[in-house]
PDB file of all heavy atoms in Angstrom:
ATOM      1  N   ILE A   1       0.850  -1.252  -0.006  1.00  0.00           N
ATOM      2  CA  ILE A   1       0.015  -0.023   0.066  1.00  0.00           C
ATOM      3  C   ILE A   1       0.791   1.279  -0.039  1.00  0.00           C
ATOM      4  O   ILE A   1       0.670   2.158  -0.789  1.00  0.00           O
ATOM      5  CB  ILE A   1      -0.951   0.020   1.172  1.00  0.00           C
ATOM      6  CG1 ILE A   1      -2.078  -1.060   1.083  1.00  0.00           C
ATOM      7  CG2 ILE A   1      -1.630   1.313   1.357  1.00  0.00           C
ATOM      8  CD1 ILE A   1      -2.875  -1.326   2.277  1.00  0.00           C
ATOM      9  N   ARG A   2       1.910   1.300   0.872  1.00  0.00           N
ATOM     10  CA  ARG A   2       2.796   2.459   0.939  1.00  0.00           C
ATOM     11  C   ARG A   2       3.622   2.611  -0.227  1.00  0.00           C
ATOM     12  O   ARG A   2       3.968   3.838  -0.668  1.00  0.00           O
ATOM     13  CB  ARG A   2       3.586   2.423   2.376  1.00  0.00           C
ATOM     14  CG  ARG A   2       2.790   2.455   3.554  1.00  0.00           C
ATOM     15  CD  ARG A   2       3.547   2.380   4.806  1.00  0.00           C
ATOM     16  NE  ARG A   2       4.500   3.577   4.907  1.00  0.00           N
ATOM     17  CZ  ARG A   2       4.111   4.722   5.364  1.00  0.00           C
ATOM     18  NH1 ARG A   2       2.862   4.910   5.859  1.00  0.00           N
ATOM     19  NH2 ARG A   2       5.016   5.783   5.473  1.00  0.00           N
ATOM     20  N   ILE A   3       4.000   1.595  -0.891  1.00  0.00           N
ATOM     21  CA  ILE A   3       4.834   1.725  -2.096  1.00  0.00           C
ATOM     22  C   ILE A   3       3.923   2.260  -3.254  1.00  0.00           C
ATOM     23  O   ILE A   3       4.287   3.120  -4.011  1.00  0.00           O
ATOM     24  CB  ILE A   3       5.363   0.352  -2.587  1.00  0.00           C
ATOM     25  CG1 ILE A   3       6.541  -0.084  -1.555  1.00  0.00           C
ATOM     26  CG2 ILE A   3       5.948   0.437  -4.018  1.00  0.00           C
ATOM     27  CD1 ILE A   3       7.666   0.829  -1.646  1.00  0.00           C
ATOM     28  N   ARG A   4       2.590   1.839  -3.298  1.00  0.00           N
ATOM     29  CA  ARG A   4       1.690   2.435  -4.223  1.00  0.00           C
ATOM     30  C   ARG A   4       1.643   3.951  -4.078  1.00  0.00           C
ATOM     31  O   ARG A   4       1.502   4.693  -5.061  1.00  0.00           O
ATOM     32  CB  ARG A   4       0.281   1.721  -4.171  1.00  0.00           C
ATOM     33  CG  ARG A   4       0.320   0.309  -4.713  1.00  0.00           C
ATOM     34  CD  ARG A   4      -1.000  -0.303  -4.752  1.00  0.00           C
ATOM     35  NE  ARG A   4      -0.968  -1.734  -5.238  1.00  0.00           N
ATOM     36  CZ  ARG A   4      -1.152  -2.802  -4.459  1.00  0.00           C
ATOM     37  NH1 ARG A   4      -1.274  -2.631  -3.107  1.00  0.00           N
ATOM     38  NH2 ARG A   4      -1.036  -3.968  -4.953  1.00  0.00           N
ATOM     39  N   MET A   5       1.454   4.338  -2.792  1.00  0.00           N
ATOM     40  CA  MET A   5       1.360   5.772  -2.482  1.00  0.00           C
ATOM     41  C   MET A   5       2.541   6.500  -2.923  1.00  0.00           C
ATOM     42  O   MET A   5       2.501   7.552  -3.389  1.00  0.00           O
ATOM     43  CB  MET A   5       1.244   5.864  -0.961  1.00  0.00           C
ATOM     44  CG  MET A   5      -0.205   5.363  -0.437  1.00  0.00           C
ATOM     45  SD  MET A   5      -0.248   5.171   1.332  1.00  0.00           S
ATOM     46  CE  MET A   5      -0.020   6.812   1.958  1.00  0.00           C
ATOM     47  N   CYS A   6       3.791   5.871  -2.842  1.00  0.00           N
ATOM     48  CA  CYS A   6       5.031   6.486  -3.200  1.00  0.00           C
ATOM     49  C   CYS A   6       4.995   6.694  -4.774  1.00  0.00           C
ATOM     50  O   CYS A   6       5.472   7.772  -5.266  1.00  0.00           O
ATOM     51  CB  CYS A   6       6.206   5.734  -2.771  1.00  0.00           C
ATOM     52  SG  CYS A   6       6.434   5.713  -0.988  1.00  0.00           S
ATOM     53  N   ILE A   7       4.567   5.645  -5.417  1.00  0.00           N
ATOM     54  CA  ILE A   7       4.564   5.784  -6.916  1.00  0.00           C
ATOM     55  C   ILE A   7       3.576   6.779  -7.398  1.00  0.00           C
ATOM     56  O   ILE A   7       3.886   7.609  -8.258  1.00  0.00           O
ATOM     57  CB  ILE A   7       4.194   4.376  -7.424  1.00  0.00           C
ATOM     58  CG1 ILE A   7       5.189   3.353  -7.214  1.00  0.00           C
ATOM     59  CG2 ILE A   7       3.751   4.471  -8.979  1.00  0.00           C
ATOM     60  CD1 ILE A   7       4.867   1.847  -7.569  1.00  0.00           C
ATOM     61  N   TRP A   8       2.317   6.869  -6.744  1.00  0.00           N
ATOM     62  CA  TRP A   8       1.368   7.898  -7.044  1.00  0.00           C
ATOM     63  C   TRP A   8       1.922   9.289  -6.903  1.00  0.00           C
ATOM     64  O   TRP A   8       1.573  10.089  -7.743  1.00  0.00           O
ATOM     65  CB  TRP A   8       0.168   7.635  -6.168  1.00  0.00           C
ATOM     66  CG  TRP A   8      -1.075   8.266  -6.574  1.00  0.00           C
ATOM     67  CD1 TRP A   8      -1.837   9.160  -5.898  1.00  0.00           C
ATOM     68  CD2 TRP A   8      -1.812   8.048  -7.832  1.00  0.00           C
ATOM     69  NE1 TRP A   8      -2.989   9.507  -6.555  1.00  0.00           N
ATOM     70  CE2 TRP A   8      -2.992   8.850  -7.835  1.00  0.00           C
ATOM     71  CE3 TRP A   8      -1.507   7.203  -8.923  1.00  0.00           C
ATOM     72  CZ2 TRP A   8      -3.857   8.831  -8.836  1.00  0.00           C
ATOM     73  CZ3 TRP A   8      -2.433   7.286  -9.995  1.00  0.00           C
ATOM     74  CH2 TRP A   8      -3.544   8.116  -9.977  1.00  0.00           C
ATOM     75  N   LYS A   9       2.612   9.471  -5.791  1.00  0.00           N
ATOM     76  CA  LYS A   9       3.167  10.837  -5.643  1.00  0.00           C
ATOM     77  C   LYS A   9       4.281  11.072  -6.672  1.00  0.00           C
ATOM     78  O   LYS A   9       4.362  12.251  -7.166  1.00  0.00           O
ATOM     79  CB  LYS A   9       3.798  10.901  -4.191  1.00  0.00           C
ATOM     80  CG  LYS A   9       4.329  12.416  -4.015  1.00  0.00           C
ATOM     81  CD  LYS A   9       4.876  12.526  -2.548  1.00  0.00           C
ATOM     82  CE  LYS A   9       5.347  14.020  -2.377  1.00  0.00           C
ATOM     83  NZ  LYS A   9       6.051  14.236  -1.137  1.00  0.00           N
ATOM     84  N   ALA A  10       5.064  10.130  -6.992  1.00  0.00           N
ATOM     85  CA  ALA A  10       6.167  10.292  -7.917  1.00  0.00           C
ATOM     86  C   ALA A  10       5.655  10.721  -9.263  1.00  0.00           C
ATOM     87  O   ALA A  10       6.302  11.363 -10.122  1.00  0.00           O
ATOM     88  CB  ALA A  10       7.011   9.041  -8.088  1.00  0.00           C
ATOM     89  N   TRP A  11       4.530  10.207  -9.650  1.00  0.00           N
ATOM     90  CA  TRP A  11       3.948  10.466 -10.983  1.00  0.00           C
ATOM     91  C   TRP A  11       3.433  11.933 -11.064  1.00  0.00           C
ATOM     92  O   TRP A  11       3.328  12.564 -12.150  1.00  0.00           O
ATOM     93  CB  TRP A  11       2.752   9.560 -11.356  1.00  0.00           C
ATOM     94  CG  TRP A  11       3.212   8.212 -11.576  1.00  0.00           C
ATOM     95  CD1 TRP A  11       4.433   7.784 -12.015  1.00  0.00           C
ATOM     96  CD2 TRP A  11       2.386   6.995 -11.769  1.00  0.00           C
ATOM     97  NE1 TRP A  11       4.550   6.454 -12.314  1.00  0.00           N
ATOM     98  CE2 TRP A  11       3.297   5.935 -12.070  1.00  0.00           C
ATOM     99  CE3 TRP A  11       1.092   6.659 -11.490  1.00  0.00           C
ATOM    100  CZ2 TRP A  11       2.853   4.743 -12.285  1.00  0.00           C
ATOM    101  CZ3 TRP A  11       0.650   5.480 -11.608  1.00  0.00           C
ATOM    102  CH2 TRP A  11       1.542   4.410 -12.042  1.00  0.00           C
ATOM    103  N   LYS A  12       3.054  12.499  -9.973  1.00  0.00           N
ATOM    104  CA  LYS A  12       2.789  13.946  -9.733  1.00  0.00           C
ATOM    105  C   LYS A  12       1.653  14.509 -10.441  1.00  0.00           C
ATOM    106  O   LYS A  12       0.520  14.819  -9.890  1.00  0.00           O
ATOM    107  CB  LYS A  12       4.003  14.750 -10.060  1.00  0.00           C
ATOM    108  CG  LYS A  12       5.225  14.547  -9.128  1.00  0.00           C
ATOM    109  CD  LYS A  12       6.321  15.480  -9.487  1.00  0.00           C
ATOM    110  CE  LYS A  12       7.480  15.275  -8.408  1.00  0.00           C
ATOM    111  NZ  LYS A  12       8.637  16.122  -8.803  1.00  0.00           N
ATOM    112  N   THR A  13       1.695  14.623 -11.828  1.00  0.00           N
ATOM    113  CA  THR A  13       0.610  15.297 -12.583  1.00  0.00           C
ATOM    114  C   THR A  13      -0.413  14.274 -13.047  1.00  0.00           C
ATOM    115  O   THR A  13      -0.221  13.062 -13.238  1.00  0.00           O
ATOM    116  CB  THR A  13       1.233  16.029 -13.904  1.00  0.00           C
ATOM    117  OG1 THR A  13       1.688  14.959 -14.762  1.00  0.00           O
ATOM    118  CG2 THR A  13       2.360  16.954 -13.456  1.00  0.00           C
ATOM    119  N   ILE A  14      -1.535  14.892 -13.403  1.00  0.00           N
ATOM    120  CA  ILE A  14      -2.706  14.076 -13.866  1.00  0.00           C
ATOM    121  C   ILE A  14      -2.233  13.325 -15.202  1.00  0.00           C
ATOM    122  O   ILE A  14      -2.546  12.205 -15.441  1.00  0.00           O
ATOM    123  CB  ILE A  14      -4.013  14.934 -14.019  1.00  0.00           C
ATOM    124  CG1 ILE A  14      -4.450  15.569 -12.764  1.00  0.00           C
ATOM    125  CG2 ILE A  14      -5.065  14.136 -14.767  1.00  0.00           C
ATOM    126  CD1 ILE A  14      -5.533  16.510 -12.785  1.00  0.00           C
ATOM    127  N   THR A  15      -1.554  14.113 -15.940  1.00  0.00           N
ATOM    128  CA  THR A  15      -1.125  13.498 -17.355  1.00  0.00           C
ATOM    129  C   THR A  15      -0.181  12.393 -17.171  1.00  0.00           C
ATOM    130  O   THR A  15      -0.356  11.341 -17.809  1.00  0.00           O
ATOM    131  CB  THR A  15      -0.497  14.638 -18.188  1.00  0.00           C
ATOM    132  OG1 THR A  15      -1.403  15.763 -18.432  1.00  0.00           O
ATOM    133  CG2 THR A  15      -0.109  14.138 -19.577  1.00  0.00           C
ATOM    134  N   LYS A  16       0.736  12.625 -16.310  1.00  0.00           N
ATOM    135  CA  LYS A  16       1.676  11.503 -15.985  1.00  0.00           C
ATOM    136  C   LYS A  16       1.054  10.330 -15.487  1.00  0.00           C
ATOM    137  O   LYS A  16       1.315   9.085 -15.862  1.00  0.00           O
ATOM    138  CB  LYS A  16       2.761  12.007 -15.097  1.00  0.00           C
ATOM    139  CG  LYS A  16       3.759  10.876 -14.671  1.00  0.00           C
ATOM    140  CD  LYS A  16       4.661  10.524 -15.687  1.00  0.00           C
ATOM    141  CE  LYS A  16       5.785   9.473 -15.111  1.00  0.00           C
ATOM    142  NZ  LYS A  16       6.629   8.909 -16.271  1.00  0.00           N
ATOM    143  N   ARG A  17       0.091  10.484 -14.499  1.00  0.00           N
ATOM    144  CA  ARG A  17      -0.650   9.455 -13.866  1.00  0.00           C
ATOM    145  C   ARG A  17      -1.466   8.657 -15.025  1.00  0.00           C
ATOM    146  O   ARG A  17      -1.513   7.511 -15.065  1.00  0.00           O
ATOM    147  CB  ARG A  17      -1.467   9.864 -12.824  1.00  0.00           C
ATOM    148  CG  ARG A  17      -0.770  10.335 -11.648  1.00  0.00           C
ATOM    149  CD  ARG A  17      -1.582  11.045 -10.556  1.00  0.00           C
ATOM    150  NE  ARG A  17      -0.758  11.401  -9.314  1.00  0.00           N
ATOM    151  CZ  ARG A  17      -1.165  12.073  -8.277  1.00  0.00           C
ATOM    152  NH1 ARG A  17      -2.411  12.489  -8.377  1.00  0.00           N
ATOM    153  NH2 ARG A  17      -0.415  12.246  -7.289  1.00  0.00           N
ATOM    154  N   TYR A  18      -2.143   9.432 -15.803  1.00  0.00           N
ATOM    155  CA  TYR A  18      -3.003   8.892 -16.889  1.00  0.00           C
ATOM    156  C   TYR A  18      -2.154   8.009 -17.759  1.00  0.00           C
ATOM    157  O   TYR A  18      -2.542   6.866 -18.061  1.00  0.00           O
ATOM    158  CB  TYR A  18      -3.710  10.038 -17.639  1.00  0.00           C
ATOM    159  CG  TYR A  18      -4.498   9.473 -18.808  1.00  0.00           C
ATOM    160  CD1 TYR A  18      -5.736   8.823 -18.614  1.00  0.00           C
ATOM    161  CD2 TYR A  18      -4.113   9.752 -20.145  1.00  0.00           C
ATOM    162  CE1 TYR A  18      -6.518   8.387 -19.694  1.00  0.00           C
ATOM    163  CE2 TYR A  18      -4.963   9.253 -21.154  1.00  0.00           C
ATOM    164  CZ  TYR A  18      -6.073   8.639 -20.961  1.00  0.00           C
ATOM    165  OH  TYR A  18      -6.786   8.144 -21.915  1.00  0.00           O
ATOM    166  N   LYS A  19      -1.062   8.515 -18.335  1.00  0.00           N
ATOM    167  CA  LYS A  19      -0.267   7.772 -19.289  1.00  0.00           C
ATOM    168  C   LYS A  19       0.380   6.584 -18.696  1.00  0.00           C
ATOM    169  O   LYS A  19       0.388   5.447 -19.287  1.00  0.00           O
ATOM    170  CB  LYS A  19       0.843   8.749 -19.810  1.00  0.00           C
ATOM    171  CG  LYS A  19       0.321   9.751 -20.726  1.00  0.00           C
ATOM    172  CD  LYS A  19       1.582  10.550 -21.292  1.00  0.00           C
ATOM    173  CE  LYS A  19       1.055  11.728 -22.196  1.00  0.00           C
ATOM    174  NZ  LYS A  19       2.123  12.556 -22.708  1.00  0.00           N
ATOM    175  N   SER A  20       0.792   6.616 -17.357  1.00  0.00           N
ATOM    176  CA  SER A  20       1.348   5.442 -16.711  1.00  0.00           C
ATOM    177  C   SER A  20       0.418   4.375 -16.438  1.00  0.00           C
ATOM    178  O   SER A  20       0.551   3.212 -16.571  1.00  0.00           O
ATOM    179  CB  SER A  20       1.973   5.958 -15.307  1.00  0.00           C
ATOM    180  OG  SER A  20       2.982   6.857 -15.686  1.00  0.00           O
ATOM    181  N   LEU A  21      -0.892   4.785 -16.110  1.00  0.00           N
ATOM    182  CA  LEU A  21      -1.971   3.773 -15.857  1.00  0.00           C
ATOM    183  C   LEU A  21      -2.479   3.140 -17.114  1.00  0.00           C
ATOM    184  O   LEU A  21      -2.705   1.926 -17.211  1.00  0.00           O
ATOM    185  CB  LEU A  21      -3.123   4.457 -15.131  1.00  0.00           C
ATOM    186  CG  LEU A  21      -2.817   4.913 -13.662  1.00  0.00           C
ATOM    187  CD1 LEU A  21      -4.105   5.701 -13.125  1.00  0.00           C
ATOM    188  CD2 LEU A  21      -2.544   3.791 -12.797  1.00  0.00           C
ATOM    189  N   ILE A  22      -2.437   3.937 -18.213  1.00  0.00           N
ATOM    190  CA  ILE A  22      -2.848   3.313 -19.590  1.00  0.00           C
ATOM    191  C   ILE A  22      -1.767   2.246 -19.944  1.00  0.00           C
ATOM    192  O   ILE A  22      -2.249   1.127 -20.333  1.00  0.00           O
ATOM    193  CB  ILE A  22      -2.851   4.474 -20.640  1.00  0.00           C
ATOM    194  CG1 ILE A  22      -4.129   5.268 -20.434  1.00  0.00           C
ATOM    195  CG2 ILE A  22      -2.813   3.806 -22.042  1.00  0.00           C
ATOM    196  CD1 ILE A  22      -5.410   4.603 -20.832  1.00  0.00           C
ATOM    197  N   LYS A  23      -0.564   2.520 -19.786  1.00  0.00           N
ATOM    198  CA  LYS A  23       0.514   1.535 -20.042  1.00  0.00           C
ATOM    199  C   LYS A  23       0.235   0.240 -19.177  1.00  0.00           C
ATOM    200  O   LYS A  23       0.443  -0.822 -19.710  1.00  0.00           O
ATOM    201  CB  LYS A  23       1.861   2.081 -19.763  1.00  0.00           C
ATOM    202  CG  LYS A  23       2.344   3.120 -20.755  1.00  0.00           C
ATOM    203  CD  LYS A  23       3.723   3.583 -20.422  1.00  0.00           C
ATOM    204  CE  LYS A  23       4.187   4.657 -21.409  1.00  0.00           C
ATOM    205  NZ  LYS A  23       5.572   5.194 -21.072  1.00  0.00           N
ATOM    206  N   LEU A  24       0.024   0.408 -17.900  1.00  0.00           N
ATOM    207  CA  LEU A  24      -0.256  -0.736 -17.067  1.00  0.00           C
ATOM    208  C   LEU A  24      -1.379  -1.500 -17.461  1.00  0.00           C
ATOM    209  O   LEU A  24      -1.542  -2.719 -17.456  1.00  0.00           O
ATOM    210  CB  LEU A  24      -0.375  -0.297 -15.563  1.00  0.00           C
ATOM    211  CG  LEU A  24       1.023   0.195 -14.935  1.00  0.00           C
ATOM    212  CD1 LEU A  24       0.732   0.873 -13.535  1.00  0.00           C
ATOM    213  CD2 LEU A  24       1.878  -1.115 -14.735  1.00  0.00           C
ATOM    214  N   ARG A  25      -2.514  -0.765 -17.734  1.00  0.00           N
ATOM    215  CA  ARG A  25      -3.721  -1.413 -18.269  1.00  0.00           C
ATOM    216  C   ARG A  25      -3.513  -2.314 -19.445  1.00  0.00           C
ATOM    217  O   ARG A  25      -4.032  -3.434 -19.561  1.00  0.00           O
ATOM    218  CB  ARG A  25      -4.860  -0.369 -18.497  1.00  0.00           C
ATOM    219  CG  ARG A  25      -6.175  -0.929 -18.889  1.00  0.00           C
ATOM    220  CD  ARG A  25      -6.992   0.026 -19.755  1.00  0.00           C
ATOM    221  NE  ARG A  25      -6.365   0.431 -20.923  1.00  0.00           N
ATOM    222  CZ  ARG A  25      -6.904   1.308 -21.828  1.00  0.00           C
ATOM    223  NH1 ARG A  25      -8.103   1.895 -21.536  1.00  0.00           N
ATOM    224  NH2 ARG A  25      -6.267   1.648 -22.963  1.00  0.00           N
ATOM    225  N   ASN A  26      -2.819  -1.686 -20.407  1.00  0.00           N
ATOM    226  CA  ASN A  26      -2.530  -2.432 -21.577  1.00  0.00           C
ATOM    227  C   ASN A  26      -1.632  -3.691 -21.330  1.00  0.00           C
ATOM    228  O   ASN A  26      -1.830  -4.725 -22.010  1.00  0.00           O
ATOM    229  CB  ASN A  26      -1.963  -1.516 -22.641  1.00  0.00           C
ATOM    230  CG  ASN A  26      -2.895  -0.453 -23.110  1.00  0.00           C
ATOM    231  OD1 ASN A  26      -4.070  -0.597 -22.995  1.00  0.00           O
ATOM    232  ND2 ASN A  26      -2.379   0.609 -23.702  1.00  0.00           N
ATOM    233  N   LEU A  27      -0.597  -3.425 -20.495  1.00  0.00           N
ATOM    234  CA  LEU A  27       0.335  -4.557 -20.304  1.00  0.00           C
ATOM    235  C   LEU A  27      -0.343  -5.664 -19.530  1.00  0.00           C
ATOM    236  O   LEU A  27      -0.101  -6.841 -19.843  1.00  0.00           O
ATOM    237  CB  LEU A  27       1.381  -4.020 -19.474  1.00  0.00           C
ATOM    238  CG  LEU A  27       2.592  -4.987 -18.991  1.00  0.00           C
ATOM    239  CD1 LEU A  27       3.339  -5.493 -20.232  1.00  0.00           C
ATOM    240  CD2 LEU A  27       3.454  -4.367 -18.056  1.00  0.00           C
ATOM    241  N   LEU A  28      -1.221  -5.388 -18.577  1.00  0.00           N
ATOM    242  CA  LEU A  28      -1.878  -6.402 -17.728  1.00  0.00           C
ATOM    243  C   LEU A  28      -3.209  -6.908 -18.267  1.00  0.00           C
ATOM    244  O   LEU A  28      -3.869  -7.671 -17.716  1.00  0.00           O
ATOM    245  CB  LEU A  28      -2.022  -5.829 -16.280  1.00  0.00           C
ATOM    246  CG  LEU A  28      -0.713  -5.450 -15.561  1.00  0.00           C
ATOM    247  CD1 LEU A  28      -1.038  -4.743 -14.311  1.00  0.00           C
ATOM    248  CD2 LEU A  28       0.103  -6.611 -15.312  1.00  0.00           C
ATOM    249  N   ASN A  29      -3.736  -6.195 -19.365  1.00  0.00           N
ATOM    250  CA  ASN A  29      -4.972  -6.516 -19.937  1.00  0.00           C
ATOM    251  C   ASN A  29      -6.151  -6.280 -18.949  1.00  0.00           C
ATOM    252  O   ASN A  29      -6.990  -7.181 -18.827  1.00  0.00           O
ATOM    253  CB  ASN A  29      -4.994  -7.895 -20.536  1.00  0.00           C
ATOM    254  CG  ASN A  29      -6.190  -8.144 -21.471  1.00  0.00           C
ATOM    255  OD1 ASN A  29      -6.587  -7.255 -22.211  1.00  0.00           O
ATOM    256  ND2 ASN A  29      -6.580  -9.487 -21.602  1.00  0.00           N
ATOM    257  N   VAL A  30      -6.116  -5.250 -18.214  1.00  0.00           N
ATOM    258  CA  VAL A  30      -7.155  -4.936 -17.215  1.00  0.00           C
ATOM    259  C   VAL A  30      -8.359  -4.343 -17.909  1.00  0.00           C
ATOM    260  O   VAL A  30      -8.273  -3.444 -18.774  1.00  0.00           O
ATOM    261  CB  VAL A  30      -6.582  -3.944 -16.200  1.00  0.00           C
ATOM    262  CG1 VAL A  30      -7.709  -3.572 -15.234  1.00  0.00           C
ATOM    263  CG2 VAL A  30      -5.441  -4.584 -15.391  1.00  0.00           C
ATOM    264  N   LYS A  31      -9.506  -4.811 -17.557  1.00  0.00           N
ATOM    265  CA  LYS A  31     -10.793  -4.345 -18.259  1.00  0.00           C
ATOM    266  C   LYS A  31     -11.239  -2.997 -17.683  1.00  0.00           C
ATOM    267  O   LYS A  31     -12.136  -2.938 -16.763  1.00  0.00           O
ATOM    268  CB  LYS A  31     -11.855  -5.330 -18.057  1.00  0.00           C
ATOM    269  CG  LYS A  31     -11.620  -6.648 -18.798  1.00  0.00           C
ATOM    270  CD  LYS A  31     -12.648  -7.635 -18.659  1.00  0.00           C
ATOM    271  CE  LYS A  31     -12.336  -8.915 -19.463  1.00  0.00           C
ATOM    272  NZ  LYS A  31     -13.549 -10.020 -19.283  1.00  0.00           N
ATOM    273  N   LYS A  32     -10.481  -1.881 -18.080  1.00  0.00           N
ATOM    274  CA  LYS A  32     -10.903  -0.580 -17.698  1.00  0.00           C
ATOM    275  C   LYS A  32     -10.794   0.321 -18.944  1.00  0.00           C
ATOM    276  O   LYS A  32      -9.915   0.218 -19.665  1.00  0.00           O
ATOM    277  CB  LYS A  32      -9.949  -0.017 -16.570  1.00  0.00           C
ATOM    278  CG  LYS A  32     -10.234  -0.599 -15.257  1.00  0.00           C
ATOM    279  CD  LYS A  32      -9.426   0.104 -14.121  1.00  0.00           C
ATOM    280  CE  LYS A  32      -9.617  -0.486 -12.735  1.00  0.00           C
ATOM    281  NZ  LYS A  32     -11.018  -0.404 -12.313  1.00  0.00           N
TER     282      LYS A  32
END
């Protein structure tokens, strides 16, 4: 949980968070 919080803070901006989550979604084939 705390590592996820650190990652979330490191991404900082909405754009960075969005792009990073998109990559993870595609990599993991998450239905979002």
